[in-house]
């Protein structure tokens, strides 16, 4: 499985003075199951990769703007992350 996610440019403030670039992030996944093995009815392995190309991006923008003098906070997106999962059905 290969998944691409795109978020277009947006603004970090209510007056649209601070532009945040858009970004594209690719995730991937692969799994395989062995059936009727000597140790289990099914033995399954899965690999999940988030942010395959290690893109740098702003994932969340939060701001408080009660009187237009509010503050803005940014959260960076998750870096390249790989997870391996193994499961067995006995």
Protein backbone atom coordinates (compact mmCIF):
# COMPACT_ATOMS: atom_id res chain seq x y z
CA UNK A 1 0.00 0.00 0.00
CA UNK A 2 1.25 3.46 -0.90
CA UNK A 3 -0.57 6.59 0.28
CA UNK A 4 0.12 10.20 -0.64
CA UNK A 5 -1.29 13.13 1.34
CA UNK A 6 -1.22 16.73 0.15
CA UNK A 7 -2.10 19.87 2.09
CA UNK A 8 -2.02 23.15 0.21
CA UNK A 9 -0.56 26.37 1.54
CA UNK A 10 -2.37 28.02 4.42
CA UNK A 11 -1.98 30.91 6.79
CA UNK A 12 -0.71 31.01 10.36
CA UNK A 13 -2.72 34.07 11.38
CA UNK A 14 -6.24 35.40 11.06
CA UNK A 15 -5.15 38.36 8.92
CA UNK A 16 -3.46 36.09 6.36
CA UNK A 17 -0.09 37.80 6.68
CA UNK A 18 1.96 34.71 7.53
CA UNK A 19 1.90 32.11 4.73
CA UNK A 20 2.78 28.47 5.49
CA UNK A 21 3.86 26.38 2.49
CA UNK A 22 1.90 23.33 1.42
CA UNK A 23 3.38 19.87 1.70
CA UNK A 24 3.12 16.34 0.32
CA UNK A 25 3.80 13.31 2.53
CA UNK A 26 4.05 9.69 1.40
CA UNK A 27 3.32 6.70 3.65
CA UNK A 28 3.83 3.03 2.77
CA UNK A 29 2.88 -0.33 4.17
CA UNK A 30 3.53 -3.97 3.44
CA UNK A 31 2.31 -7.14 5.14
CA UNK A 32 2.62 -10.87 4.65
CA UNK A 33 0.98 -13.82 6.39
CA UNK A 34 2.31 -17.36 6.70
CA UNK A 35 -0.51 -19.89 7.15
CA UNK A 36 -0.41 -23.29 8.86
CA UNK A 37 3.10 -22.96 10.25
CA UNK A 38 4.43 -25.42 12.85
CA UNK A 39 4.11 -22.78 15.59
CA UNK A 40 0.84 -21.03 14.65
CA UNK A 41 -2.21 -21.21 12.40
CA UNK A 42 -1.24 -17.83 11.04
CA UNK A 43 1.94 -15.82 11.50
CA UNK A 44 1.71 -12.27 10.16
CA UNK A 45 4.35 -9.57 9.70
CA UNK A 46 3.60 -5.97 8.75
CA UNK A 47 5.86 -3.01 8.04
CA UNK A 48 4.45 0.52 8.17
CA UNK A 49 6.43 3.57 7.12
CA UNK A 50 5.29 7.12 7.77
CA UNK A 51 6.84 10.05 5.89
CA UNK A 52 8.78 7.80 3.53
CA UNK A 53 10.90 10.63 2.09
CA UNK A 54 11.44 12.38 5.46
CA UNK A 55 9.73 15.62 4.36
CA UNK A 56 9.89 18.58 6.73
CA UNK A 57 6.56 20.31 7.22
CA UNK A 58 4.26 22.11 9.64
CA UNK A 59 1.49 19.70 10.64
CA UNK A 60 -0.54 21.84 13.08
CA UNK A 61 -1.02 25.58 13.41
CA UNK A 62 -2.72 26.87 16.54
CA UNK A 63 -3.34 30.48 17.35
CA UNK A 64 -5.32 32.58 19.77
CA UNK A 65 -6.45 35.85 18.35
CA UNK A 66 -8.88 37.59 20.66
CA UNK A 67 -7.59 41.09 19.95
CA UNK A 68 -5.32 40.49 16.90
CA UNK A 69 -2.31 40.44 19.19
CA UNK A 70 -2.54 36.70 19.83
CA UNK A 71 0.26 34.19 19.63
CA UNK A 72 0.75 31.42 17.08
CA UNK A 73 2.09 27.96 17.77
CA UNK A 74 3.40 25.42 15.26
CA UNK A 75 3.95 21.67 15.46
CA UNK A 76 6.35 20.01 13.08
CA UNK A 77 5.24 16.91 11.21
CA UNK A 78 6.48 13.47 12.19
CA UNK A 79 9.84 12.51 10.67
CA UNK A 80 10.51 9.25 8.84
CA UNK A 81 9.16 6.50 11.09
CA UNK A 82 9.22 2.73 10.53
CA UNK A 83 7.23 0.23 12.57
CA UNK A 84 7.39 -3.55 12.36
CA UNK A 85 4.53 -5.62 13.73
CA UNK A 86 4.39 -9.37 14.26
CA UNK A 87 1.29 -11.28 15.29
CA UNK A 88 0.33 -14.91 15.65
CA UNK A 89 -2.96 -16.77 15.72
CA UNK A 90 -2.42 -19.94 17.70
